[in-house]
Amino acid sequence: MADSSLPTIIVPARLASSRFPRKLLADTGGMPLILRTAYRLQDQAPEYELFFAVDGEELAKPLEDAGFTTFITDPNLPSGTDRIAQANLTLEREAVLNVQADEPLVTRDHILALTKAIHKKGADLATLATPFLNHQDFTDPNQVKVVLDRMGFALMFSRSPIPYDREKGGQFNSLSYKHLGLYAYRKDFLEDFTKTPSGDLENLEKLEQLRALENGKRIAVEIIDHGTIGVDTREDLMEIEFD
């Protein structure tokens, strides 16, 4: 049974995907990917309320058939955060966790770390990061970098390798972390976010969290030991073994 004192999980989902068309309905051992993620969350965090903010009936049907609750949101919304914000206009939850629909291996540790981070004093929203392990990942533009201030809040996110270690020729370093695409939000942040136009940095890097930084919001970052395994391509899906 859900614990009302905990944040609510809302999973944003849209069917369009440039790198892997219709991936959330791709088969994963007898069920669509989005349903695999739903069962994973139900198993890993059973005490949390769980909803799905989807862009249409095609995604809603397999979830509802399995007993999950969905909100059908405007398919033209520009980001997952906007989708969650629209759903929360109805739910009116004070704190919300955003887990991506293509994260079928998300763990309880991730959920608990997000819960801890959103309760940090001064946080408007929160996210997770993990240390880089090699230079190749550090220079990969698909692996987003984040650097922090001394209080554990985000200073900057970028697809570029930041900060640049001049003495070591740009090698990865302990001041840079790999950003994980899971978030937690305060209710008032979500309400403000939907009214705030996209920023210049957000449009350049194609990173929606930069809209928050450009508008003076504080993003608490919790560092964890292990990342998630998301599905961006068909090859990613083939590498995951499902029970």
C-alpha atoms as a PDB file:
ATOM      1  CA  MET A   1       0.000   0.000   0.000  1.00  0.00           C
ATOM      2  CA  ALA A   2       1.306   3.460  -0.932  1.00  0.00           C
ATOM      3  CA  ASP A   3       2.737   5.658   1.804  1.00  0.00           C
ATOM      4  CA  SER A   4       1.282   9.168   1.478  1.00  0.00           C
ATOM      5  CA  SER A   5       4.292  10.701   3.252  1.00  0.00           C
ATOM      6  CA  LEU A   6       6.567   9.723   0.350  1.00  0.00           C
ATOM      7  CA  PRO A   7       6.944  11.454  -3.017  1.00  0.00           C
ATOM      8  CA  THR A   8       4.776  10.158  -5.853  1.00  0.00           C
ATOM      9  CA  ILE A   9       6.407   8.537  -8.883  1.00  0.00           C
ATOM     10  CA  ILE A  10       5.122   9.806 -12.223  1.00  0.00           C
ATOM     11  CA  VAL A  11       6.642   8.196 -15.317  1.00  0.00           C
ATOM     12  CA  PRO A  12       6.449  10.407 -18.427  1.00  0.00           C
ATOM     13  CA  ALA A  13       6.152   8.541 -21.707  1.00  0.00           C
ATOM     14  CA  ARG A  14       5.778   9.387 -25.369  1.00  0.00           C
ATOM     15  CA  LEU A  15       5.725   7.013 -28.312  1.00  0.00           C
ATOM     16  CA  ALA A  16       7.941   9.057 -30.620  1.00  0.00           C
ATOM     17  CA  SER A  17      11.672   8.362 -30.431  1.00  0.00           C
ATOM     18  CA  SER A  18      14.187   9.468 -33.032  1.00  0.00           C
ATOM     19  CA  ARG A  19      16.869   6.867 -32.238  1.00  0.00           C
ATOM     20  CA  PHE A  20      14.520   3.915 -31.645  1.00  0.00           C
ATOM     21  CA  PRO A  21      10.999   4.467 -33.074  1.00  0.00           C
ATOM     22  CA  ARG A  22       8.170   3.202 -30.850  1.00  0.00           C
ATOM     23  CA  LYS A  23      10.664   1.745 -28.399  1.00  0.00           C
ATOM     24  CA  LEU A  24       8.312   1.836 -25.397  1.00  0.00           C
ATOM     25  CA  LEU A  25       6.151  -0.785 -27.132  1.00  0.00           C
ATOM     26  CA  ALA A  26       9.134  -2.922 -28.156  1.00  0.00           C
ATOM     27  CA  ASP A  27       8.910  -6.519 -26.981  1.00  0.00           C
ATOM     28  CA  THR A  28      10.880  -7.425 -23.844  1.00  0.00           C
ATOM     29  CA  GLY A  29      10.348 -11.101 -23.256  1.00  0.00           C
ATOM     30  CA  GLY A  30       6.616 -11.098 -23.865  1.00  0.00           C
ATOM     31  CA  MET A  31       5.639  -7.607 -22.751  1.00  0.00           C
ATOM     32  CA  PRO A  32       6.248  -4.037 -23.988  1.00  0.00           C
ATOM     33  CA  LEU A  33       9.192  -2.124 -22.551  1.00  0.00           C
ATOM     34  CA  ILE A  34       6.997   0.406 -20.728  1.00  0.00           C
ATOM     35  CA  LEU A  35       5.172  -2.383 -18.902  1.00  0.00           C
ATOM     36  CA  ARG A  36       8.506  -3.947 -17.949  1.00  0.00           C
ATOM     37  CA  THR A  37       9.487  -0.639 -16.331  1.00  0.00           C
ATOM     38  CA  ALA A  38       6.125  -0.453 -14.568  1.00  0.00           C
ATOM     39  CA  TYR A  39       6.526  -3.882 -12.975  1.00  0.00           C
ATOM     40  CA  ARG A  40      10.106  -3.062 -12.008  1.00  0.00           C
ATOM     41  CA  LEU A  41       9.001   0.058 -10.141  1.00  0.00           C
ATOM     42  CA  GLN A  42       6.173  -1.825  -8.483  1.00  0.00           C
ATOM     43  CA  ASP A  43       8.685  -4.424  -7.298  1.00  0.00           C
ATOM     44  CA  GLN A  44      11.496  -2.069  -6.232  1.00  0.00           C
ATOM     45  CA  ALA A  45       9.384   0.656  -4.576  1.00  0.00           C
ATOM     46  CA  PRO A  46       6.013  -0.854  -3.610  1.00  0.00           C
ATOM     47  CA  GLU A  47       5.305   1.803  -0.969  1.00  0.00           C
ATOM     48  CA  TYR A  48       5.389   4.651  -3.513  1.00  0.00           C
ATOM     49  CA  GLU A  49       2.354   5.868  -5.465  1.00  0.00           C
ATOM     50  CA  LEU A  50       2.913   5.191  -9.164  1.00  0.00           C
ATOM     51  CA  PHE A  51       1.333   6.906 -12.169  1.00  0.00           C
ATOM     52  CA  PHE A  52       2.127   7.207 -15.863  1.00  0.00           C
ATOM     53  CA  ALA A  53       1.801  10.415 -17.895  1.00  0.00           C
ATOM     54  CA  VAL A  54       1.515   9.191 -21.488  1.00  0.00           C
ATOM     55  CA  ASP A  55       0.967  10.896 -24.825  1.00  0.00           C
ATOM     56  CA  GLY A  56      -1.873   8.714 -26.072  1.00  0.00           C
ATOM     57  CA  GLU A  57      -4.031   5.598 -25.870  1.00  0.00           C
ATOM     58  CA  GLU A  58      -1.431   3.305 -27.452  1.00  0.00           C
ATOM     59  CA  LEU A  59       0.782   3.605 -24.390  1.00  0.00           C
ATOM     60  CA  ALA A  60      -2.082   3.861 -21.933  1.00  0.00           C
ATOM     61  CA  LYS A  61      -3.780   0.597 -22.943  1.00  0.00           C
ATOM     62  CA  PRO A  62      -1.108  -1.970 -21.949  1.00  0.00           C
ATOM     63  CA  LEU A  63      -0.564  -0.154 -18.668  1.00  0.00           C
ATOM     64  CA  GLU A  64      -4.245   0.108 -17.795  1.00  0.00           C
ATOM     65  CA  ASP A  65      -4.854  -3.506 -18.830  1.00  0.00           C
ATOM     66  CA  ALA A  66      -2.202  -4.466 -16.259  1.00  0.00           C
ATOM     67  CA  GLY A  67      -3.822  -2.372 -13.538  1.00  0.00           C
ATOM     68  CA  PHE A  68      -1.652   0.771 -13.642  1.00  0.00           C
ATOM     69  CA  THR A  69      -3.106   4.287 -13.626  1.00  0.00           C
ATOM     70  CA  THR A  70      -2.381   6.649 -16.506  1.00  0.00           C
ATOM     71  CA  PHE A  71      -2.918  10.284 -17.428  1.00  0.00           C
ATOM     72  CA  ILE A  72      -3.165  11.095 -21.113  1.00  0.00           C
ATOM     73  CA  THR A  73      -1.278  14.335 -21.660  1.00  0.00           C
ATOM     74  CA  ASP A  74      -0.879  16.685 -24.616  1.00  0.00           C
ATOM     75  CA  PRO A  75       1.274  14.854 -27.223  1.00  0.00           C
ATOM     76  CA  ASN A  76       2.859  18.167 -28.211  1.00  0.00           C
ATOM     77  CA  LEU A  77       4.428  18.854 -24.819  1.00  0.00           C
ATOM     78  CA  PRO A  78       8.179  19.503 -25.296  1.00  0.00           C
ATOM     79  CA  SER A  79       9.602  17.467 -22.392  1.00  0.00           C
ATOM     80  CA  GLY A  80       8.968  14.782 -19.819  1.00  0.00           C
ATOM     81  CA  THR A  81       8.967  17.421 -17.100  1.00  0.00           C
ATOM     82  CA  ASP A  82       6.163  19.288 -18.856  1.00  0.00           C
ATOM     83  CA  ARG A  83       4.240  16.017 -19.091  1.00  0.00           C
ATOM     84  CA  ILE A  84       4.654  15.358 -15.367  1.00  0.00           C
ATOM     85  CA  ALA A  85       3.673  18.935 -14.551  1.00  0.00           C
ATOM     86  CA  GLN A  86       0.450  18.528 -16.500  1.00  0.00           C
ATOM     87  CA  ALA A  87      -0.410  15.308 -14.655  1.00  0.00           C
ATOM     88  CA  ASN A  88       0.369  16.917 -11.304  1.00  0.00           C
ATOM     89  CA  LEU A  89      -2.147  19.682 -11.952  1.00  0.00           C
ATOM     90  CA  THR A  90      -4.686  16.948 -11.211  1.00  0.00           C
ATOM     91  CA  LEU A  91      -2.748  15.018  -8.556  1.00  0.00           C
ATOM     92  CA  GLU A  92      -1.399  18.084  -6.701  1.00  0.00           C
ATOM     93  CA  ARG A  93       1.396  16.135  -5.004  1.00  0.00           C
ATOM     94  CA  GLU A  94       3.947  18.185  -3.050  1.00  0.00           C
ATOM     95  CA  ALA A  95       6.928  16.110  -4.261  1.00  0.00           C
ATOM     96  CA  VAL A  96       7.199  14.028  -7.435  1.00  0.00           C
ATOM     97  CA  LEU A  97       9.826  11.595  -8.708  1.00  0.00           C
ATOM     98  CA  ASN A  98      10.461  11.291 -12.440  1.00  0.00           C
ATOM     99  CA  VAL A  99      11.650   7.871 -13.603  1.00  0.00           C
ATOM    100  CA  GLN A 100      12.098   7.389 -17.336  1.00  0.00           C
ATOM    101  CA  ALA A 101       9.865   4.826 -19.059  1.00  0.00           C
ATOM    102  CA  ASP A 102      12.901   3.309 -20.787  1.00  0.00           C
ATOM    103  CA  GLU A 103      14.663   2.440 -17.494  1.00  0.00           C
ATOM    104  CA  PRO A 104      13.557  -1.179 -16.925  1.00  0.00           C
ATOM    105  CA  LEU A 105      16.436  -1.863 -14.518  1.00  0.00           C
ATOM    106  CA  VAL A 106      15.959   1.093 -12.160  1.00  0.00           C
ATOM    107  CA  THR A 107      16.711   0.084  -8.567  1.00  0.00           C
ATOM    108  CA  ARG A 108      15.371   0.838  -5.130  1.00  0.00           C
ATOM    109  CA  ASP A 109      18.643   2.634  -4.362  1.00  0.00           C
ATOM    110  CA  HIS A 110      17.898   5.136  -7.134  1.00  0.00           C
ATOM    111  CA  ILE A 111      14.418   5.819  -5.779  1.00  0.00           C
ATOM    112  CA  LEU A 112      15.628   6.269  -2.206  1.00  0.00           C
ATOM    113  CA  ALA A 113      18.501   8.544  -3.308  1.00  0.00           C
ATOM    114  CA  LEU A 114      16.088  10.787  -5.208  1.00  0.00           C
ATOM    115  CA  THR A 115      13.791  10.928  -2.203  1.00  0.00           C
ATOM    116  CA  LYS A 116      16.693  12.000  -0.010  1.00  0.00           C
ATOM    117  CA  ALA A 117      17.867  14.637  -2.488  1.00  0.00           C
ATOM    118  CA  ILE A 118      14.532  16.404  -2.949  1.00  0.00           C
ATOM    119  CA  HIS A 119      14.324  16.979   0.795  1.00  0.00           C
ATOM    120  CA  LYS A 120      17.652  18.815   0.829  1.00  0.00           C
ATOM    121  CA  LYS A 121      17.206  22.335   2.160  1.00  0.00           C
ATOM    122  CA  GLY A 122      16.966  24.863  -0.663  1.00  0.00           C
ATOM    123  CA  ALA A 123      16.357  22.320  -3.445  1.00  0.00           C
ATOM    124  CA  ASP A 124      13.792  23.186  -6.111  1.00  0.00           C
ATOM    125  CA  LEU A 125      14.464  19.895  -7.846  1.00  0.00           C
ATOM    126  CA  ALA A 126      16.942  17.054  -7.552  1.00  0.00           C
ATOM    127  CA  THR A 127      18.720  14.480  -9.672  1.00  0.00           C
ATOM    128  CA  LEU A 128      21.358  11.739  -9.515  1.00  0.00           C
ATOM    129  CA  ALA A 129      24.907  11.358 -10.782  1.00  0.00           C
ATOM    130  CA  THR A 130      27.678   8.786 -10.629  1.00  0.00           C
ATOM    131  CA  PRO A 131      31.471   9.008 -11.103  1.00  0.00           C
ATOM    132  CA  PHE A 132      32.944   8.552 -14.559  1.00  0.00           C
ATOM    133  CA  LEU A 133      35.094   5.440 -14.894  1.00  0.00           C
ATOM    134  CA  ASN A 134      36.955   6.134 -18.132  1.00  0.00           C
ATOM    135  CA  HIS A 135      37.916   8.844 -20.596  1.00  0.00           C
ATOM    136  CA  GLN A 136      35.780   7.426 -23.418  1.00  0.00           C
ATOM    137  CA  ASP A 137      32.573   7.904 -21.460  1.00  0.00           C
ATOM    138  CA  PHE A 138      33.712  11.351 -20.323  1.00  0.00           C
ATOM    139  CA  THR A 139      34.068  12.547 -23.924  1.00  0.00           C
ATOM    140  CA  ASP A 140      30.861  10.899 -25.187  1.00  0.00           C
ATOM    141  CA  PRO A 141      28.293  13.675 -25.897  1.00  0.00           C
ATOM    142  CA  ASN A 142      25.459  11.248 -25.141  1.00  0.00           C
ATOM    143  CA  GLN A 143      26.698  10.969 -21.545  1.00  0.00           C
ATOM    144  CA  VAL A 144      25.859  14.254 -19.871  1.00  0.00           C
ATOM    145  CA  LYS A 145      28.354  15.796 -17.468  1.00  0.00           C
ATOM    146  CA  VAL A 146      27.504  17.713 -14.293  1.00  0.00           C
ATOM    147  CA  VAL A 147      29.770  19.694 -11.955  1.00  0.00           C
ATOM    148  CA  LEU A 148      28.756  20.672  -8.433  1.00  0.00           C
ATOM    149  CA  ASP A 149      29.283  23.437  -5.939  1.00  0.00           C
ATOM    150  CA  ARG A 150      30.575  22.727  -2.437  1.00  0.00           C
ATOM    151  CA  MET A 151      27.043  22.250  -1.131  1.00  0.00           C
ATOM    152  CA  GLY A 152      26.196  19.510  -3.626  1.00  0.00           C
ATOM    153  CA  PHE A 153      24.093  21.623  -5.987  1.00  0.00           C
ATOM    154  CA  ALA A 154      24.570  21.617  -9.761  1.00  0.00           C
ATOM    155  CA  LEU A 155      26.684  24.400 -11.274  1.00  0.00           C
ATOM    156  CA  MET A 156      26.423  23.272 -14.905  1.00  0.00           C
ATOM    157  CA  PHE A 157      25.360  20.397 -17.119  1.00  0.00           C
ATOM    158  CA  SER A 158      26.906  19.833 -20.528  1.00  0.00           C
ATOM    159  CA  ARG A 159      27.395  17.270 -23.244  1.00  0.00           C
ATOM    160  CA  SER A 160      30.956  18.533 -23.497  1.00  0.00           C
ATOM    161  CA  PRO A 161      33.691  17.184 -21.151  1.00  0.00           C
ATOM    162  CA  ILE A 162      33.608  19.622 -18.213  1.00  0.00           C
ATOM    163  CA  PRO A 163      35.560  20.727 -16.305  1.00  0.00           C
ATOM    164  CA  TYR A 164      38.579  20.700 -18.600  1.00  0.00           C
ATOM    165  CA  ASP A 165      41.787  19.535 -16.883  1.00  0.00           C
ATOM    166  CA  ARG A 166      44.363  21.744 -18.586  1.00  0.00           C
ATOM    167  CA  GLU A 167      47.401  20.003 -17.089  1.00  0.00           C
ATOM    168  CA  LYS A 168      46.255  16.533 -18.153  1.00  0.00           C
ATOM    169  CA  GLY A 169      44.951  17.482 -21.571  1.00  0.00           C
ATOM    170  CA  GLY A 170      41.271  17.142 -20.808  1.00  0.00           C
ATOM    171  CA  GLN A 171      41.338  13.740 -19.112  1.00  0.00           C
ATOM    172  CA  PHE A 172      38.312  12.884 -17.003  1.00  0.00           C
ATOM    173  CA  ASN A 173      38.630  13.921 -13.397  1.00  0.00           C
ATOM    174  CA  SER A 174      37.002  13.580  -9.998  1.00  0.00           C
ATOM    175  CA  LEU A 175      35.204  16.930 -10.312  1.00  0.00           C
ATOM    176  CA  SER A 176      32.959  15.704 -13.129  1.00  0.00           C
ATOM    177  CA  TYR A 177      30.065  13.286 -12.719  1.00  0.00           C
ATOM    178  CA  LYS A 178      27.892  11.397 -15.157  1.00  0.00           C
ATOM    179  CA  HIS A 179      24.343  12.687 -14.933  1.00  0.00           C
ATOM    180  CA  LEU A 180      21.568  10.123 -14.626  1.00  0.00           C
ATOM    181  CA  GLY A 181      18.224  11.089 -16.122  1.00  0.00           C
ATOM    182  CA  LEU A 182      16.100  10.638 -13.020  1.00  0.00           C
ATOM    183  CA  TYR A 183      14.629  13.665 -11.251  1.00  0.00           C
ATOM    184  CA  ALA A 184      12.601  14.778  -8.276  1.00  0.00           C
ATOM    185  CA  TYR A 185      10.586  17.990  -8.180  1.00  0.00           C
ATOM    186  CA  ARG A 186       8.782  20.230  -5.737  1.00  0.00           C
ATOM    187  CA  LYS A 187       5.191  21.055  -6.697  1.00  0.00           C
ATOM    188  CA  ASP A 188       5.833  24.794  -7.019  1.00  0.00           C
ATOM    189  CA  PHE A 189       8.803  24.170  -9.313  1.00  0.00           C
ATOM    190  CA  LEU A 190       6.641  22.126 -11.688  1.00  0.00           C
ATOM    191  CA  GLU A 191       4.038  24.878 -11.789  1.00  0.00           C
ATOM    192  CA  ASP A 192       6.688  27.502 -12.593  1.00  0.00           C
ATOM    193  CA  PHE A 193       8.508  25.325 -15.133  1.00  0.00           C
ATOM    194  CA  THR A 194       5.556  25.035 -17.481  1.00  0.00           C
ATOM    195  CA  LYS A 195       5.258  28.828 -17.619  1.00  0.00           C
ATOM    196  CA  THR A 196       8.948  29.402 -18.303  1.00  0.00           C
ATOM    197  CA  PRO A 197      10.099  29.561 -21.947  1.00  0.00           C
ATOM    198  CA  SER A 198      12.979  27.413 -23.124  1.00  0.00           C
ATOM    199  CA  GLY A 199      16.371  28.989 -22.459  1.00  0.00           C
ATOM    200  CA  ASP A 200      19.332  29.586 -24.727  1.00  0.00           C
ATOM    201  CA  LEU A 201      21.510  26.962 -23.019  1.00  0.00           C
ATOM    202  CA  GLU A 202      18.678  24.430 -23.039  1.00  0.00           C
ATOM    203  CA  ASN A 203      18.110  24.937 -26.750  1.00  0.00           C
ATOM    204  CA  LEU A 204      21.823  24.683 -27.513  1.00  0.00           C
ATOM    205  CA  GLU A 205      22.616  21.560 -25.494  1.00  0.00           C
ATOM    206  CA  LYS A 206      19.126  20.012 -25.732  1.00  0.00           C
ATOM    207  CA  LEU A 207      19.098  19.504 -21.950  1.00  0.00           C
ATOM    208  CA  GLU A 208      15.892  20.588 -20.232  1.00  0.00           C
ATOM    209  CA  GLN A 209      17.528  20.855 -16.791  1.00  0.00           C
ATOM    210  CA  LEU A 210      19.444  23.868 -18.072  1.00  0.00           C
ATOM    211  CA  ARG A 211      16.149  25.784 -18.199  1.00  0.00           C
ATOM    212  CA  ALA A 212      16.011  25.457 -14.422  1.00  0.00           C
ATOM    213  CA  LEU A 213      19.592  26.676 -13.935  1.00  0.00           C
ATOM    214  CA  GLU A 214      19.121  29.581 -16.332  1.00  0.00           C
ATOM    215  CA  ASN A 215      16.182  30.731 -14.215  1.00  0.00           C
ATOM    216  CA  GLY A 216      17.962  30.551 -10.867  1.00  0.00           C
ATOM    217  CA  LYS A 217      16.573  27.235  -9.634  1.00  0.00           C
ATOM    218  CA  ARG A 218      18.716  25.049  -7.373  1.00  0.00           C
ATOM    219  CA  ILE A 219      19.250  21.426  -8.385  1.00  0.00           C
ATOM    220  CA  ALA A 220      20.413  19.095  -5.605  1.00  0.00           C
ATOM    221  CA  VAL A 221      22.585  16.258  -6.903  1.00  0.00           C
ATOM    222  CA  GLU A 222      22.918  12.984  -5.017  1.00  0.00           C
ATOM    223  CA  ILE A 223      26.006  10.934  -5.926  1.00  0.00           C
ATOM    224  CA  ILE A 224      25.462   7.188  -6.091  1.00  0.00           C
ATOM    225  CA  ASP A 225      27.824   4.306  -6.821  1.00  0.00           C
ATOM    226  CA  HIS A 226      26.046   2.815  -9.802  1.00  0.00           C
ATOM    227  CA  GLY A 227      24.126   4.183 -12.738  1.00  0.00           C
ATOM    228  CA  THR A 228      21.093   2.939 -14.609  1.00  0.00           C
ATOM    229  CA  ILE A 229      20.831   0.991 -17.828  1.00  0.00           C
ATOM    230  CA  GLY A 230      18.480   2.849 -20.136  1.00  0.00           C
ATOM    231  CA  VAL A 231      17.253   1.791 -23.554  1.00  0.00           C
ATOM    232  CA  ASP A 232      18.131   4.305 -26.255  1.00  0.00           C
ATOM    233  CA  THR A 233      18.668   1.922 -29.184  1.00  0.00           C
ATOM    234  CA  ARG A 234      17.689  -1.582 -30.321  1.00  0.00           C
ATOM    235  CA  GLU A 235      21.224  -2.636 -29.454  1.00  0.00           C
ATOM    236  CA  ASP A 236      20.708  -1.490 -25.851  1.00  0.00           C
ATOM    237  CA  LEU A 237      17.581  -3.621 -25.633  1.00  0.00           C
ATOM    238  CA  MET A 238      19.381  -6.691 -26.975  1.00  0.00           C
ATOM    239  CA  GLU A 239      22.000  -6.437 -24.228  1.00  0.00           C
ATOM    240  CA  ILE A 240      19.443  -6.701 -21.406  1.00  0.00           C
ATOM    241  CA  GLU A 241      18.382 -10.101 -20.148  1.00  0.00           C
ATOM    242  CA  PHE A 242      14.782 -10.217 -18.938  1.00  0.00           C
ATOM    243  CA  ASP A 243      13.343 -12.943 -16.735  1.00  0.00           C
END
